[in-house]
Amino acid sequence: MAQQQQISLPAKLINGGIAGMVGVTCVFPIDLAKTRLQNQRSGQQLYRNMMDCLIKTVKSEGYFGMYRELLNTKGVTGLYRGLGATLMR
């Protein structure tokens, strides 16, 4: 069996930061679409499905419009959410 190599603290910090950024970058647009679909009123249906919601959001607000709420509420530190779990290992 191969020996496992210990990962240094700076490497853990970098890896945790990258993991958090990738996770938030992938999950936040899906969560935004889910929230917008749930907040629709039955008489005022703006979106047909999740893909339609994402396409209309990008067309109306631009690609970074999907992340505007994240940056407004949590700031840049919202991208590093995976860091704490990585450091606790």
PDB file of N, CA and C in Angstrom:
ATOM      1  N   MET A   1       0.840  -1.170   0.000  1.00  0.00           N
ATOM      2  CA  MET A   1       0.000   0.000   0.000  1.00  0.00           C
ATOM      3  C   MET A   1       0.890   1.240   0.000  1.00  0.00           C
ATOM      4  N   ALA A   2       0.528   2.249  -0.776  1.00  0.00           N
ATOM      5  CA  ALA A   2       1.328   3.467  -0.889  1.00  0.00           C
ATOM      6  C   ALA A   2       1.140   4.332   0.353  1.00  0.00           C
ATOM      7  N   GLN A   3       2.212   5.017   0.713  1.00  0.00           N
ATOM      8  CA  GLN A   3       2.139   5.913   1.863  1.00  0.00           C
ATOM      9  C   GLN A   3       1.377   7.170   1.468  1.00  0.00           C
ATOM     10  N   GLN A   4       0.574   7.669   2.411  1.00  0.00           N
ATOM     11  CA  GLN A   4      -0.136   8.908   2.159  1.00  0.00           C
ATOM     12  C   GLN A   4       0.743  10.073   2.561  1.00  0.00           C
ATOM     13  N   GLN A   5       0.784  11.078   1.705  1.00  0.00           N
ATOM     14  CA  GLN A   5       1.604  12.249   1.957  1.00  0.00           C
ATOM     15  C   GLN A   5       0.772  13.288   2.718  1.00  0.00           C
ATOM     16  N   GLN A   6       1.348  13.889   3.739  1.00  0.00           N
ATOM     17  CA  GLN A   6       0.667  14.930   4.503  1.00  0.00           C
ATOM     18  C   GLN A   6       0.601  16.215   3.669  1.00  0.00           C
ATOM     19  N   ILE A   7      -0.556  16.854   3.704  1.00  0.00           N
ATOM     20  CA  ILE A   7      -0.749  18.106   2.966  1.00  0.00           C
ATOM     21  C   ILE A   7      -0.508  19.264   3.918  1.00  0.00           C
ATOM     22  N   SER A   8       0.288  20.228   3.481  1.00  0.00           N
ATOM     23  CA  SER A   8       0.639  21.366   4.336  1.00  0.00           C
ATOM     24  C   SER A   8      -0.567  22.297   4.514  1.00  0.00           C
ATOM     25  N   LEU A   9      -0.489  23.135   5.545  1.00  0.00           N
ATOM     26  CA  LEU A   9      -1.569  24.071   5.846  1.00  0.00           C
ATOM     27  C   LEU A   9      -1.809  25.064   4.705  1.00  0.00           C
ATOM     28  N   PRO A  10      -0.764  25.675   4.119  1.00  0.00           N
ATOM     29  CA  PRO A  10      -1.037  26.587   2.994  1.00  0.00           C
ATOM     30  C   PRO A  10      -1.726  25.890   1.817  1.00  0.00           C
ATOM     31  N   ALA A  11      -1.353  24.637   1.547  1.00  0.00           N
ATOM     32  CA  ALA A  11      -2.004  23.899   0.470  1.00  0.00           C
ATOM     33  C   ALA A  11      -3.469  23.641   0.809  1.00  0.00           C
ATOM     34  N   LYS A  12      -3.755  23.344   2.078  1.00  0.00           N
ATOM     35  CA  LYS A  12      -5.143  23.141   2.500  1.00  0.00           C
ATOM     36  C   LYS A  12      -5.949  24.434   2.349  1.00  0.00           C
ATOM     37  N   LEU A  13      -5.326  25.563   2.710  1.00  0.00           N
ATOM     38  CA  LEU A  13      -6.010  26.852   2.583  1.00  0.00           C
ATOM     39  C   LEU A  13      -6.341  27.153   1.124  1.00  0.00           C
ATOM     40  N   ILE A  14      -5.379  26.941   0.260  1.00  0.00           N
ATOM     41  CA  ILE A  14      -5.594  27.209  -1.164  1.00  0.00           C
ATOM     42  C   ILE A  14      -6.646  26.262  -1.731  1.00  0.00           C
ATOM     43  N   ASN A  15      -6.522  24.979  -1.413  1.00  0.00           N
ATOM     44  CA  ASN A  15      -7.485  23.998  -1.918  1.00  0.00           C
ATOM     45  C   ASN A  15      -8.887  24.255  -1.387  1.00  0.00           C
ATOM     46  N   GLY A  16      -9.002  24.619  -0.129  1.00  0.00           N
ATOM     47  CA  GLY A  16     -10.310  24.921   0.445  1.00  0.00           C
ATOM     48  C   GLY A  16     -10.932  26.150  -0.188  1.00  0.00           C
ATOM     49  N   GLY A  17     -10.115  27.170  -0.433  1.00  0.00           N
ATOM     50  CA  GLY A  17     -10.615  28.374  -1.094  1.00  0.00           C
ATOM     51  C   GLY A  17     -11.096  28.091  -2.503  1.00  0.00           C
ATOM     52  N   ILE A  18     -10.310  27.316  -3.234  1.00  0.00           N
ATOM     53  CA  ILE A  18     -10.696  26.962  -4.603  1.00  0.00           C
ATOM     54  C   ILE A  18     -11.965  26.114  -4.599  1.00  0.00           C
ATOM     55  N   ALA A  19     -12.048  25.160  -3.681  1.00  0.00           N
ATOM     56  CA  ALA A  19     -13.241  24.303  -3.598  1.00  0.00           C
ATOM     57  C   ALA A  19     -14.481  25.127  -3.273  1.00  0.00           C
ATOM     58  N   GLY A  20     -14.348  26.073  -2.360  1.00  0.00           N
ATOM     59  CA  GLY A  20     -15.477  26.938  -2.020  1.00  0.00           C
ATOM     60  C   GLY A  20     -15.918  27.795  -3.197  1.00  0.00           C
ATOM     61  N   MET A  21     -14.945  28.339  -3.918  1.00  0.00           N
ATOM     62  CA  MET A  21     -15.268  29.175  -5.075  1.00  0.00           C
ATOM     63  C   MET A  21     -15.955  28.366  -6.170  1.00  0.00           C
ATOM     64  N   VAL A  22     -15.445  27.182  -6.439  1.00  0.00           N
ATOM     65  CA  VAL A  22     -16.055  26.333  -7.467  1.00  0.00           C
ATOM     66  C   VAL A  22     -17.460  25.915  -7.043  1.00  0.00           C
ATOM     67  N   GLY A  23     -17.607  25.536  -5.777  1.00  0.00           N
ATOM     68  CA  GLY A  23     -18.921  25.120  -5.291  1.00  0.00           C
ATOM     69  C   GLY A  23     -19.948  26.223  -5.400  1.00  0.00           C
ATOM     70  N   VAL A  24     -19.606  27.406  -4.949  1.00  0.00           N
ATOM     71  CA  VAL A  24     -20.542  28.530  -4.996  1.00  0.00           C
ATOM     72  C   VAL A  24     -20.819  28.933  -6.437  1.00  0.00           C
ATOM     73  N   THR A  25     -19.786  28.918  -7.269  1.00  0.00           N
ATOM     74  CA  THR A  25     -19.947  29.297  -8.668  1.00  0.00           C
ATOM     75  C   THR A  25     -20.911  28.365  -9.390  1.00  0.00           C
ATOM     76  N   CYS A  26     -20.876  27.094  -9.053  1.00  0.00           N
ATOM     77  CA  CYS A  26     -21.767  26.120  -9.706  1.00  0.00           C
ATOM     78  C   CYS A  26     -23.162  26.107  -9.093  1.00  0.00           C
ATOM     79  N   VAL A  27     -23.246  26.222  -7.789  1.00  0.00           N
ATOM     80  CA  VAL A  27     -24.519  26.043  -7.099  1.00  0.00           C
ATOM     81  C   VAL A  27     -25.358  27.314  -7.063  1.00  0.00           C
ATOM     82  N   PHE A  28     -24.751  28.474  -6.977  1.00  0.00           N
ATOM     83  CA  PHE A  28     -25.517  29.703  -6.779  1.00  0.00           C
ATOM     84  C   PHE A  28     -26.491  30.000  -7.917  1.00  0.00           C
ATOM     85  N   PRO A  29     -26.099  29.860  -9.202  1.00  0.00           N
ATOM     86  CA  PRO A  29     -27.094  30.106 -10.259  1.00  0.00           C
ATOM     87  C   PRO A  29     -28.285  29.159 -10.187  1.00  0.00           C
ATOM     88  N   ILE A  30     -28.049  27.920  -9.813  1.00  0.00           N
ATOM     89  CA  ILE A  30     -29.147  26.960  -9.690  1.00  0.00           C
ATOM     90  C   ILE A  30     -30.067  27.361  -8.539  1.00  0.00           C
ATOM     91  N   ASP A  31     -29.472  27.794  -7.432  1.00  0.00           N
ATOM     92  CA  ASP A  31     -30.268  28.233  -6.283  1.00  0.00           C
ATOM     93  C   ASP A  31     -31.050  29.503  -6.613  1.00  0.00           C
ATOM     94  N   LEU A  32     -30.441  30.400  -7.374  1.00  0.00           N
ATOM     95  CA  LEU A  32     -31.125  31.623  -7.798  1.00  0.00           C
ATOM     96  C   LEU A  32     -32.340  31.283  -8.652  1.00  0.00           C
ATOM     97  N   ALA A  33     -32.171  30.374  -9.609  1.00  0.00           N
ATOM     98  CA  ALA A  33     -33.290  29.966 -10.467  1.00  0.00           C
ATOM     99  C   ALA A  33     -34.385  29.296  -9.639  1.00  0.00           C
ATOM    100  N   LYS A  34     -33.986  28.449  -8.689  1.00  0.00           N
ATOM    101  CA  LYS A  34     -34.968  27.774  -7.824  1.00  0.00           C
ATOM    102  C   LYS A  34     -35.782  28.794  -7.031  1.00  0.00           C
ATOM    103  N   THR A  35     -35.105  29.786  -6.485  1.00  0.00           N
ATOM    104  CA  THR A  35     -35.777  30.810  -5.697  1.00  0.00           C
ATOM    105  C   THR A  35     -36.732  31.627  -6.556  1.00  0.00           C
ATOM    106  N   ARG A  36     -36.280  31.994  -7.752  1.00  0.00           N
ATOM    107  CA  ARG A  36     -37.147  32.776  -8.637  1.00  0.00           C
ATOM    108  C   ARG A  36     -38.365  31.972  -9.082  1.00  0.00           C
ATOM    109  N   LEU A  37     -38.180  30.689  -9.326  1.00  0.00           N
ATOM    110  CA  LEU A  37     -39.318  29.850  -9.706  1.00  0.00           C
ATOM    111  C   LEU A  37     -40.302  29.709  -8.548  1.00  0.00           C
ATOM    112  N   GLN A  38     -39.794  29.583  -7.336  1.00  0.00           N
ATOM    113  CA  GLN A  38     -40.669  29.438  -6.170  1.00  0.00           C
ATOM    114  C   GLN A  38     -41.422  30.726  -5.855  1.00  0.00           C
ATOM    115  N   ASN A  39     -40.828  31.871  -6.178  1.00  0.00           N
ATOM    116  CA  ASN A  39     -41.450  33.156  -5.860  1.00  0.00           C
ATOM    117  C   ASN A  39     -42.427  33.642  -6.923  1.00  0.00           C
ATOM    118  N   GLN A  40     -42.596  32.893  -8.000  1.00  0.00           N
ATOM    119  CA  GLN A  40     -43.559  33.282  -9.026  1.00  0.00           C
ATOM    120  C   GLN A  40     -44.980  33.184  -8.481  1.00  0.00           C
ATOM    121  N   ARG A  41     -45.800  34.079  -8.906  1.00  0.00           N
ATOM    122  CA  ARG A  41     -47.215  33.988  -8.569  1.00  0.00           C
ATOM    123  C   ARG A  41     -47.891  33.158  -9.657  1.00  0.00           C
ATOM    124  N   SER A  42     -48.945  32.479  -9.293  1.00  0.00           N
ATOM    125  CA  SER A  42     -49.593  31.572 -10.241  1.00  0.00           C
ATOM    126  C   SER A  42     -50.132  32.307 -11.470  1.00  0.00           C
ATOM    127  N   GLY A  43     -50.602  33.513 -11.326  1.00  0.00           N
ATOM    128  CA  GLY A  43     -51.130  34.274 -12.458  1.00  0.00           C
ATOM    129  C   GLY A  43     -50.054  34.972 -13.265  1.00  0.00           C
ATOM    130  N   GLN A  44     -48.881  35.163 -12.668  1.00  0.00           N
ATOM    131  CA  GLN A  44     -47.796  35.890 -13.329  1.00  0.00           C
ATOM    132  C   GLN A  44     -46.590  34.977 -13.520  1.00  0.00           C
ATOM    133  N   GLN A  45     -46.733  33.967 -14.320  1.00  0.00           N
ATOM    134  CA  GLN A  45     -45.647  33.010 -14.508  1.00  0.00           C
ATOM    135  C   GLN A  45     -44.650  33.569 -15.524  1.00  0.00           C
ATOM    136  N   LEU A  46     -43.459  33.954 -15.050  1.00  0.00           N
ATOM    137  CA  LEU A  46     -42.422  34.515 -15.910  1.00  0.00           C
ATOM    138  C   LEU A  46     -41.561  33.433 -16.547  1.00  0.00           C
ATOM    139  N   TYR A  47     -41.346  32.346 -15.829  1.00  0.00           N
ATOM    140  CA  TYR A  47     -40.443  31.296 -16.286  1.00  0.00           C
ATOM    141  C   TYR A  47     -41.189  29.976 -16.398  1.00  0.00           C
ATOM    142  N   ARG A  48     -40.851  29.215 -17.441  1.00  0.00           N
ATOM    143  CA  ARG A  48     -41.477  27.915 -17.633  1.00  0.00           C
ATOM    144  C   ARG A  48     -40.780  26.820 -16.840  1.00  0.00           C
ATOM    145  N   ASN A  49     -39.452  26.875 -16.785  1.00  0.00           N
ATOM    146  CA  ASN A  49     -38.665  25.872 -16.072  1.00  0.00           C
ATOM    147  C   ASN A  49     -37.327  26.494 -15.671  1.00  0.00           C
ATOM    148  N   MET A  50     -36.460  25.695 -15.077  1.00  0.00           N
ATOM    149  CA  MET A  50     -35.203  26.213 -14.560  1.00  0.00           C
ATOM    150  C   MET A  50     -34.299  26.732 -15.683  1.00  0.00           C
ATOM    151  N   MET A  51     -34.225  26.009 -16.779  1.00  0.00           N
ATOM    152  CA  MET A  51     -33.371  26.430 -17.886  1.00  0.00           C
ATOM    153  C   MET A  51     -33.865  27.744 -18.479  1.00  0.00           C
ATOM    154  N   ASP A  52     -35.177  27.883 -18.620  1.00  0.00           N
ATOM    155  CA  ASP A  52     -35.764  29.118 -19.122  1.00  0.00           C
ATOM    156  C   ASP A  52     -35.431  30.282 -18.194  1.00  0.00           C
ATOM    157  N   CYS A  53     -35.476  30.042 -16.901  1.00  0.00           N
ATOM    158  CA  CYS A  53     -35.148  31.070 -15.911  1.00  0.00           C
ATOM    159  C   CYS A  53     -33.690  31.501 -16.039  1.00  0.00           C
ATOM    160  N   LEU A  54     -32.775  30.542 -16.161  1.00  0.00           N
ATOM    161  CA  LEU A  54     -31.353  30.878 -16.283  1.00  0.00           C
ATOM    162  C   LEU A  54     -31.071  31.642 -17.570  1.00  0.00           C
ATOM    163  N   ILE A  55     -31.679  31.227 -18.673  1.00  0.00           N
ATOM    164  CA  ILE A  55     -31.453  31.900 -19.957  1.00  0.00           C
ATOM    165  C   ILE A  55     -31.985  33.331 -19.910  1.00  0.00           C
ATOM    166  N   LYS A  56     -33.194  33.517 -19.372  1.00  0.00           N
ATOM    167  CA  LYS A  56     -33.766  34.869 -19.286  1.00  0.00           C
ATOM    168  C   LYS A  56     -32.963  35.745 -18.329  1.00  0.00           C
ATOM    169  N   THR A  57     -32.428  35.170 -17.267  1.00  0.00           N
ATOM    170  CA  THR A  57     -31.615  35.939 -16.326  1.00  0.00           C
ATOM    171  C   THR A  57     -30.341  36.415 -16.994  1.00  0.00           C
ATOM    172  N   VAL A  58     -29.679  35.534 -17.734  1.00  0.00           N
ATOM    173  CA  VAL A  58     -28.440  35.918 -18.420  1.00  0.00           C
ATOM    174  C   VAL A  58     -28.732  36.969 -19.485  1.00  0.00           C
ATOM    175  N   LYS A  59     -29.832  36.827 -20.217  1.00  0.00           N
ATOM    176  CA  LYS A  59     -30.172  37.804 -21.255  1.00  0.00           C
ATOM    177  C   LYS A  59     -30.501  39.173 -20.671  1.00  0.00           C
ATOM    178  N   SER A  60     -31.207  39.196 -19.553  1.00  0.00           N
ATOM    179  CA  SER A  60     -31.638  40.483 -18.996  1.00  0.00           C
ATOM    180  C   SER A  60     -30.604  41.122 -18.074  1.00  0.00           C
ATOM    181  N   GLU A  61     -29.861  40.316 -17.310  1.00  0.00           N
ATOM    182  CA  GLU A  61     -28.938  40.870 -16.321  1.00  0.00           C
ATOM    183  C   GLU A  61     -27.475  40.598 -16.635  1.00  0.00           C
ATOM    184  N   GLY A  62     -27.215  39.800 -17.658  1.00  0.00           N
ATOM    185  CA  GLY A  62     -25.847  39.438 -17.984  1.00  0.00           C
ATOM    186  C   GLY A  62     -25.404  38.235 -17.161  1.00  0.00           C
ATOM    187  N   TYR A  63     -24.272  37.663 -17.557  1.00  0.00           N
ATOM    188  CA  TYR A  63     -23.776  36.465 -16.872  1.00  0.00           C
ATOM    189  C   TYR A  63     -23.521  36.729 -15.399  1.00  0.00           C
ATOM    190  N   PHE A  64     -22.899  37.851 -15.081  1.00  0.00           N
ATOM    191  CA  PHE A  64     -22.567  38.148 -13.684  1.00  0.00           C
ATOM    192  C   PHE A  64     -23.776  38.632 -12.892  1.00  0.00           C
ATOM    193  N   GLY A  65     -24.895  38.846 -13.576  1.00  0.00           N
ATOM    194  CA  GLY A  65     -26.124  39.201 -12.871  1.00  0.00           C
ATOM    195  C   GLY A  65     -26.608  38.084 -11.964  1.00  0.00           C
ATOM    196  N   MET A  66     -26.233  36.850 -12.299  1.00  0.00           N
ATOM    197  CA  MET A  66     -26.625  35.722 -11.455  1.00  0.00           C
ATOM    198  C   MET A  66     -25.887  35.751 -10.121  1.00  0.00           C
ATOM    199  N   TYR A  67     -24.740  36.402 -10.070  1.00  0.00           N
ATOM    200  CA  TYR A  67     -23.926  36.441  -8.852  1.00  0.00           C
ATOM    201  C   TYR A  67     -24.047  37.761  -8.110  1.00  0.00           C
ATOM    202  N   ARG A  68     -24.823  38.702  -8.638  1.00  0.00           N
ATOM    203  CA  ARG A  68     -24.944  40.023  -8.021  1.00  0.00           C
ATOM    204  C   ARG A  68     -25.464  39.928  -6.586  1.00  0.00           C
ATOM    205  N   GLU A  69     -26.476  39.111  -6.380  1.00  0.00           N
ATOM    206  CA  GLU A  69     -27.048  38.968  -5.034  1.00  0.00           C
ATOM    207  C   GLU A  69     -26.037  38.365  -4.066  1.00  0.00           C
ATOM    208  N   LEU A  70     -25.265  37.403  -4.524  1.00  0.00           N
ATOM    209  CA  LEU A  70     -24.241  36.791  -3.676  1.00  0.00           C
ATOM    210  C   LEU A  70     -23.225  37.825  -3.230  1.00  0.00           C
ATOM    211  N   LEU A  71     -22.736  38.619  -4.161  1.00  0.00           N
ATOM    212  CA  LEU A  71     -21.727  39.620  -3.824  1.00  0.00           C
ATOM    213  C   LEU A  71     -22.311  40.732  -2.957  1.00  0.00           C
ATOM    214  N   ASN A  72     -23.590  41.067  -3.161  1.00  0.00           N
ATOM    215  CA  ASN A  72     -24.216  42.111  -2.345  1.00  0.00           C
ATOM    216  C   ASN A  72     -24.465  41.649  -0.915  1.00  0.00           C
ATOM    217  N   THR A  73     -24.845  40.388  -0.720  1.00  0.00           N
ATOM    218  CA  THR A  73     -25.186  39.921   0.620  1.00  0.00           C
ATOM    219  C   THR A  73     -23.986  39.398   1.399  1.00  0.00           C
ATOM    220  N   LYS A  74     -23.094  38.663   0.746  1.00  0.00           N
ATOM    221  CA  LYS A  74     -21.991  38.032   1.460  1.00  0.00           C
ATOM    222  C   LYS A  74     -20.622  38.596   1.098  1.00  0.00           C
ATOM    223  N   GLY A  75     -20.558  39.378   0.042  1.00  0.00           N
ATOM    224  CA  GLY A  75     -19.286  39.931  -0.401  1.00  0.00           C
ATOM    225  C   GLY A  75     -18.401  38.849  -1.003  1.00  0.00           C
ATOM    226  N   VAL A  76     -17.159  39.187  -1.199  1.00  0.00           N
ATOM    227  CA  VAL A  76     -16.207  38.251  -1.803  1.00  0.00           C
ATOM    228  C   VAL A  76     -15.978  37.051  -0.895  1.00  0.00           C
ATOM    229  N   THR A  77     -16.142  37.214   0.404  1.00  0.00           N
ATOM    230  CA  THR A  77     -15.920  36.099   1.322  1.00  0.00           C
ATOM    231  C   THR A  77     -16.941  34.980   1.123  1.00  0.00           C
ATOM    232  N   GLY A  78     -18.062  35.264   0.465  1.00  0.00           N
ATOM    233  CA  GLY A  78     -19.042  34.230   0.168  1.00  0.00           C
ATOM    234  C   GLY A  78     -18.498  33.165  -0.767  1.00  0.00           C
ATOM    235  N   LEU A  79     -17.445  33.502  -1.499  1.00  0.00           N
ATOM    236  CA  LEU A  79     -16.843  32.531  -2.410  1.00  0.00           C
ATOM    237  C   LEU A  79     -15.947  31.537  -1.681  1.00  0.00           C
ATOM    238  N   TYR A  80     -15.598  31.805  -0.433  1.00  0.00           N
ATOM    239  CA  TYR A  80     -14.677  30.942   0.323  1.00  0.00           C
ATOM    240  C   TYR A  80     -15.380  30.084   1.349  1.00  0.00           C
ATOM    241  N   ARG A  81     -16.613  29.727   1.118  1.00  0.00           N
ATOM    242  CA  ARG A  81     -17.393  28.997   2.116  1.00  0.00           C
ATOM    243  C   ARG A  81     -16.862  27.594   2.382  1.00  0.00           C
ATOM    244  N   GLY A  82     -16.137  26.989   1.464  1.00  0.00           N
ATOM    245  CA  GLY A  82     -15.629  25.641   1.652  1.00  0.00           C
ATOM    246  C   GLY A  82     -14.356  25.576   2.457  1.00  0.00           C
ATOM    247  N   LEU A  83     -13.795  26.712   2.783  1.00  0.00           N
ATOM    248  CA  LEU A  83     -12.516  26.764   3.458  1.00  0.00           C
ATOM    249  C   LEU A  83     -12.574  26.187   4.877  1.00  0.00           C
ATOM    250  N   GLY A  84     -13.602  26.531   5.631  1.00  0.00           N
ATOM    251  CA  GLY A  84     -13.689  26.076   7.021  1.00  0.00           C
ATOM    252  C   GLY A  84     -13.748  24.563   7.151  1.00  0.00           C
ATOM    253  N   ALA A  85     -14.536  23.916   6.321  1.00  0.00           N
ATOM    254  CA  ALA A  85     -14.646  22.449   6.390  1.00  0.00           C
ATOM    255  C   ALA A  85     -13.329  21.781   6.037  1.00  0.00           C
ATOM    256  N   THR A  86     -12.607  22.350   5.101  1.00  0.00           N
ATOM    257  CA  THR A  86     -11.314  21.771   4.714  1.00  0.00           C
ATOM    258  C   THR A  86     -10.308  21.897   5.851  1.00  0.00           C
ATOM    259  N   LEU A  87     -10.327  23.019   6.533  1.00  0.00           N
ATOM    260  CA  LEU A  87      -9.364  23.222   7.628  1.00  0.00           C
ATOM    261  C   LEU A  87      -9.661  22.346   8.841  1.00  0.00           C
ATOM    262  N   MET A  88     -10.900  21.943   9.014  1.00  0.00           N
ATOM    263  CA  MET A  88     -11.271  21.142  10.173  1.00  0.00           C
ATOM    264  C   MET A  88     -10.852  19.687  10.038  1.00  0.00           C
ATOM    265  N   ARG A  89     -10.459  19.268   8.854  1.00  0.00           N
ATOM    266  CA  ARG A  89     -10.071  17.864   8.650  1.00  0.00           C
ATOM    267  C   ARG A  89      -8.783  17.545   9.350  1.00  0.00           C
TER     268      ARG A  89
END
